[in-house]
Amino acid sequence: MTLPVALSGHDIIGQAKTGTGKTLGFGIPALQRVIGPDDAGYALLPAPAPRRPS
């Protein structure tokens, strides 16, 4: 039930027993939003800033 909501870009919070697919429900929408160097719009992303080790 969460996939359509998450894929549309809305935030979700879920609580369920082990083995019910929570990781899949959160992971698929996250992977859908990942883009690579060959994808449209990649050049428009801001460059990551260097970070100092903490």
PDB file of N, CA and C in Angstrom:
ATOM      1  N   MET A   1       0.815  -1.202   0.000  1.00  0.00           N
ATOM      2  CA  MET A   1       0.000   0.000   0.000  1.00  0.00           C
ATOM      3  C   MET A   1       0.857   1.264   0.000  1.00  0.00           C
ATOM      4  N   THR A   2       2.106   1.172   0.442  1.00  0.00           N
ATOM      5  CA  THR A   2       2.935   2.376   0.510  1.00  0.00           C
ATOM      6  C   THR A   2       3.579   2.742  -0.811  1.00  0.00           C
ATOM      7  N   LEU A   3       3.757   1.776  -1.696  1.00  0.00           N
ATOM      8  CA  LEU A   3       4.494   2.062  -2.936  1.00  0.00           C
ATOM      9  C   LEU A   3       3.887   3.197  -3.754  1.00  0.00           C
ATOM     10  N   PRO A   4       2.607   3.211  -4.034  1.00  0.00           N
ATOM     11  CA  PRO A   4       2.071   4.331  -4.821  1.00  0.00           C
ATOM     12  C   PRO A   4       2.272   5.686  -4.142  1.00  0.00           C
ATOM     13  N   VAL A   5       2.122   5.714  -2.825  1.00  0.00           N
ATOM     14  CA  VAL A   5       2.293   6.972  -2.084  1.00  0.00           C
ATOM     15  C   VAL A   5       3.747   7.427  -2.151  1.00  0.00           C
ATOM     16  N   ALA A   6       4.658   6.514  -1.874  1.00  0.00           N
ATOM     17  CA  ALA A   6       6.083   6.859  -1.881  1.00  0.00           C
ATOM     18  C   ALA A   6       6.580   7.198  -3.282  1.00  0.00           C
ATOM     19  N   LEU A   7       6.129   6.464  -4.283  1.00  0.00           N
ATOM     20  CA  LEU A   7       6.563   6.744  -5.652  1.00  0.00           C
ATOM     21  C   LEU A   7       6.046   8.084  -6.154  1.00  0.00           C
ATOM     22  N   SER A   8       4.961   8.575  -5.571  1.00  0.00           N
ATOM     23  CA  SER A   8       4.453   9.879  -5.981  1.00  0.00           C
ATOM     24  C   SER A   8       5.198  11.018  -5.290  1.00  0.00           C
ATOM     25  N   GLY A   9       6.152  10.670  -4.396  1.00  0.00           N
ATOM     26  CA  GLY A   9       6.987  11.687  -3.782  1.00  0.00           C
ATOM     27  C   GLY A   9       6.584  12.105  -2.386  1.00  0.00           C
ATOM     28  N   HIS A  10       5.568  11.488  -1.831  1.00  0.00           N
ATOM     29  CA  HIS A  10       5.124  11.841  -0.482  1.00  0.00           C
ATOM     30  C   HIS A  10       5.945  11.100   0.567  1.00  0.00           C
ATOM     31  N   ASP A  11       6.078  11.705   1.736  1.00  0.00           N
ATOM     32  CA  ASP A  11       6.758  11.055   2.849  1.00  0.00           C
ATOM     33  C   ASP A  11       5.849   9.994   3.444  1.00  0.00           C
ATOM     34  N   ILE A  12       6.477   8.927   3.937  1.00  0.00           N
ATOM     35  CA  ILE A  12       5.708   7.879   4.601  1.00  0.00           C
ATOM     36  C   ILE A  12       6.436   7.436   5.863  1.00  0.00           C
ATOM     37  N   ILE A  13       5.669   6.977   6.814  1.00  0.00           N
ATOM     38  CA  ILE A  13       6.186   6.371   8.028  1.00  0.00           C
ATOM     39  C   ILE A  13       5.484   5.026   8.145  1.00  0.00           C
ATOM     40  N   GLY A  14       6.262   3.982   8.391  1.00  0.00           N
ATOM     41  CA  GLY A  14       5.656   2.662   8.474  1.00  0.00           C
ATOM     42  C   GLY A  14       6.101   1.901   9.697  1.00  0.00           C
ATOM     43  N   GLN A  15       5.198   1.068  10.216  1.00  0.00           N
ATOM     44  CA  GLN A  15       5.497   0.195  11.344  1.00  0.00           C
ATOM     45  C   GLN A  15       4.805  -1.125  11.073  1.00  0.00           C
ATOM     46  N   ALA A  16       5.585  -2.178  11.073  1.00  0.00           N
ATOM     47  CA  ALA A  16       5.013  -3.495  10.823  1.00  0.00           C
ATOM     48  C   ALA A  16       5.969  -4.555  11.353  1.00  0.00           C
ATOM     49  N   LYS A  17       5.493  -5.782  11.418  1.00  0.00           N
ATOM     50  CA  LYS A  17       6.307  -6.895  11.895  1.00  0.00           C
ATOM     51  C   LYS A  17       7.437  -7.197  10.923  1.00  0.00           C
ATOM     52  N   THR A  18       8.437  -7.895  11.427  1.00  0.00           N
ATOM     53  CA  THR A  18       9.566  -8.340  10.609  1.00  0.00           C
ATOM     54  C   THR A  18       9.054  -9.238   9.479  1.00  0.00           C
ATOM     55  N   GLY A  19       9.624  -9.032   8.288  1.00  0.00           N
ATOM     56  CA  GLY A  19       9.279  -9.884   7.154  1.00  0.00           C
ATOM     57  C   GLY A  19       8.081  -9.433   6.350  1.00  0.00           C
ATOM     58  N   THR A  20       7.601  -8.222   6.576  1.00  0.00           N
ATOM     59  CA  THR A  20       6.416  -7.756   5.851  1.00  0.00           C
ATOM     60  C   THR A  20       6.737  -6.897   4.637  1.00  0.00           C
ATOM     61  N   GLY A  21       8.036  -6.644   4.382  1.00  0.00           N
ATOM     62  CA  GLY A  21       8.406  -5.904   3.181  1.00  0.00           C
ATOM     63  C   GLY A  21       8.642  -4.418   3.382  1.00  0.00           C
ATOM     64  N   LYS A  22       8.913  -4.004   4.606  1.00  0.00           N
ATOM     65  CA  LYS A  22       9.144  -2.573   4.856  1.00  0.00           C
ATOM     66  C   LYS A  22      10.332  -2.052   4.071  1.00  0.00           C
ATOM     67  N   THR A  23      11.430  -2.787   4.064  1.00  0.00           N
ATOM     68  CA  THR A  23      12.623  -2.336   3.349  1.00  0.00           C
ATOM     69  C   THR A  23      12.328  -2.203   1.867  1.00  0.00           C
ATOM     70  N   LEU A  24      11.614  -3.128   1.312  1.00  0.00           N
ATOM     71  CA  LEU A  24      11.232  -3.056  -0.105  1.00  0.00           C
ATOM     72  C   LEU A  24      10.332  -1.847  -0.352  1.00  0.00           C
ATOM     73  N   GLY A  25       9.405  -1.603   0.546  1.00  0.00           N
ATOM     74  CA  GLY A  25       8.480  -0.474   0.396  1.00  0.00           C
ATOM     75  C   GLY A  25       9.171   0.873   0.436  1.00  0.00           C
ATOM     76  N   PHE A  26      10.245   0.979   1.209  1.00  0.00           N
ATOM     77  CA  PHE A  26      11.007   2.223   1.269  1.00  0.00           C
ATOM     78  C   PHE A  26      12.112   2.251   0.217  1.00  0.00           C
ATOM     79  N   GLY A  27      12.679   1.093  -0.103  1.00  0.00           N
ATOM     80  CA  GLY A  27      13.829   1.022  -1.007  1.00  0.00           C
ATOM     81  C   GLY A  27      13.508   1.274  -2.463  1.00  0.00           C
ATOM     82  N   ILE A  28      12.415   0.736  -2.952  1.00  0.00           N
ATOM     83  CA  ILE A  28      12.072   0.917  -4.369  1.00  0.00           C
ATOM     84  C   ILE A  28      11.877   2.385  -4.720  1.00  0.00           C
ATOM     85  N   PRO A  29      11.107   3.163  -3.946  1.00  0.00           N
ATOM     86  CA  PRO A  29      10.986   4.591  -4.281  1.00  0.00           C
ATOM     87  C   PRO A  29      12.324   5.325  -4.231  1.00  0.00           C
ATOM     88  N   ALA A  30      13.189   4.949  -3.300  1.00  0.00           N
ATOM     89  CA  ALA A  30      14.505   5.592  -3.230  1.00  0.00           C
ATOM     90  C   ALA A  30      15.309   5.285  -4.480  1.00  0.00           C
ATOM     91  N   LEU A  31      15.289   4.045  -4.919  1.00  0.00           N
ATOM     92  CA  LEU A  31      16.022   3.670  -6.125  1.00  0.00           C
ATOM     93  C   LEU A  31      15.439   4.320  -7.379  1.00  0.00           C
ATOM     94  N   GLN A  32      14.141   4.552  -7.399  1.00  0.00           N
ATOM     95  CA  GLN A  32      13.500   5.195  -8.542  1.00  0.00           C
ATOM     96  C   GLN A  32      13.993   6.633  -8.723  1.00  0.00           C
ATOM     97  N   ARG A  33      14.455   7.253  -7.644  1.00  0.00           N
ATOM     98  CA  ARG A  33      14.890   8.644  -7.696  1.00  0.00           C
ATOM     99  C   ARG A  33      16.383   8.809  -7.945  1.00  0.00           C
ATOM    100  N   VAL A  34      17.119   7.707  -7.989  1.00  0.00           N
ATOM    101  CA  VAL A  34      18.560   7.764  -8.233  1.00  0.00           C
ATOM    102  C   VAL A  34      18.788   8.038  -9.719  1.00  0.00           C
ATOM    103  N   ILE A  35      19.676   8.983 -10.026  1.00  0.00           N
ATOM    104  CA  ILE A  35      20.017   9.237 -11.417  1.00  0.00           C
ATOM    105  C   ILE A  35      21.528   9.131 -11.586  1.00  0.00           C
ATOM    106  N   GLY A  36      21.937   8.807 -12.788  1.00  0.00           N
ATOM    107  CA  GLY A  36      23.352   8.652 -13.084  1.00  0.00           C
ATOM    108  C   GLY A  36      23.835   9.659 -14.104  1.00  0.00           C
ATOM    109  N   PRO A  37      25.116   9.636 -14.408  1.00  0.00           N
ATOM    110  CA  PRO A  37      25.707  10.611 -15.325  1.00  0.00           C
ATOM    111  C   PRO A  37      25.085  10.613 -16.722  1.00  0.00           C
ATOM    112  N   ASP A  38      24.494   9.516 -17.140  1.00  0.00           N
ATOM    113  CA  ASP A  38      23.903   9.448 -18.482  1.00  0.00           C
ATOM    114  C   ASP A  38      22.434   9.859 -18.512  1.00  0.00           C
ATOM    115  N   ASP A  39      21.854  10.172 -17.361  1.00  0.00           N
ATOM    116  CA  ASP A  39      20.438  10.525 -17.289  1.00  0.00           C
ATOM    117  C   ASP A  39      20.223  12.020 -17.521  1.00  0.00           C
ATOM    118  N   ALA A  40      19.049  12.342 -18.073  1.00  0.00           N
ATOM    119  CA  ALA A  40      18.693  13.743 -18.299  1.00  0.00           C
ATOM    120  C   ALA A  40      18.637  14.483 -16.972  1.00  0.00           C
ATOM    121  N   GLY A  41      19.157  15.666 -16.925  1.00  0.00           N
ATOM    122  CA  GLY A  41      19.130  16.489 -15.738  1.00  0.00           C
ATOM    123  C   GLY A  41      20.308  16.288 -14.807  1.00  0.00           C
ATOM    124  N   TYR A  42      21.146  15.314 -15.082  1.00  0.00           N
ATOM    125  CA  TYR A  42      22.295  15.052 -14.204  1.00  0.00           C
ATOM    126  C   TYR A  42      23.234  16.258 -14.156  1.00  0.00           C
ATOM    127  N   ALA A  43      23.450  16.890 -15.290  1.00  0.00           N
ATOM    128  CA  ALA A  43      24.362  18.037 -15.353  1.00  0.00           C
ATOM    129  C   ALA A  43      23.840  19.228 -14.549  1.00  0.00           C
ATOM    130  N   LEU A  44      22.549  19.267 -14.266  1.00  0.00           N
ATOM    131  CA  LEU A  44      21.958  20.376 -13.521  1.00  0.00           C
ATOM    132  C   LEU A  44      22.088  20.214 -12.006  1.00  0.00           C
ATOM    133  N   LEU A  45      22.492  19.032 -11.549  1.00  0.00           N
ATOM    134  CA  LEU A  45      22.637  18.805 -10.114  1.00  0.00           C
ATOM    135  C   LEU A  45      23.831  19.571  -9.570  1.00  0.00           C
ATOM    136  N   PRO A  46      23.729  20.087  -8.346  1.00  0.00           N
ATOM    137  CA  PRO A  46      24.878  20.771  -7.759  1.00  0.00           C
ATOM    138  C   PRO A  46      25.992  19.773  -7.466  1.00  0.00           C
ATOM    139  N   ALA A  47      27.219  20.226  -7.630  1.00  0.00           N
ATOM    140  CA  ALA A  47      28.372  19.348  -7.331  1.00  0.00           C
ATOM    141  C   ALA A  47      28.462  19.154  -5.824  1.00  0.00           C
ATOM    142  N   PRO A  48      28.806  17.945  -5.395  1.00  0.00           N
ATOM    143  CA  PRO A  48      28.943  17.751  -3.949  1.00  0.00           C
ATOM    144  C   PRO A  48      30.103  18.562  -3.386  1.00  0.00           C
ATOM    145  N   ALA A  49      29.900  19.128  -2.235  1.00  0.00           N
ATOM    146  CA  ALA A  49      30.950  19.934  -1.596  1.00  0.00           C
ATOM    147  C   ALA A  49      31.892  19.019  -0.821  1.00  0.00           C
ATOM    148  N   PRO A  50      33.175  19.345  -0.831  1.00  0.00           N
ATOM    149  CA  PRO A  50      34.106  18.547  -0.027  1.00  0.00           C
ATOM    150  C   PRO A  50      33.781  18.672   1.457  1.00  0.00           C
ATOM    151  N   ARG A  51      34.001  17.594   2.182  1.00  0.00           N
ATOM    152  CA  ARG A  51      33.723  17.604   3.619  1.00  0.00           C
ATOM    153  C   ARG A  51      34.998  17.301   4.388  1.00  0.00           C
ATOM    154  N   ARG A  52      35.132  17.963   5.496  1.00  0.00           N
ATOM    155  CA  ARG A  52      36.273  17.714   6.348  1.00  0.00           C
ATOM    156  C   ARG A  52      35.926  16.549   7.272  1.00  0.00           C
ATOM    157  N   PRO A  53      36.868  15.615   7.466  1.00  0.00           N
ATOM    158  CA  PRO A  53      36.576  14.494   8.373  1.00  0.00           C
ATOM    159  C   PRO A  53      36.259  14.993   9.771  1.00  0.00           C
ATOM    160  N   SER A  54      35.337  14.318  10.429  1.00  0.00           N
ATOM    161  CA  SER A  54      34.964  14.745  11.784  1.00  0.00           C
ATOM    162  C   SER A  54      35.742  14.005  12.839  1.00  0.00           C
TER     163      SER A  54
END
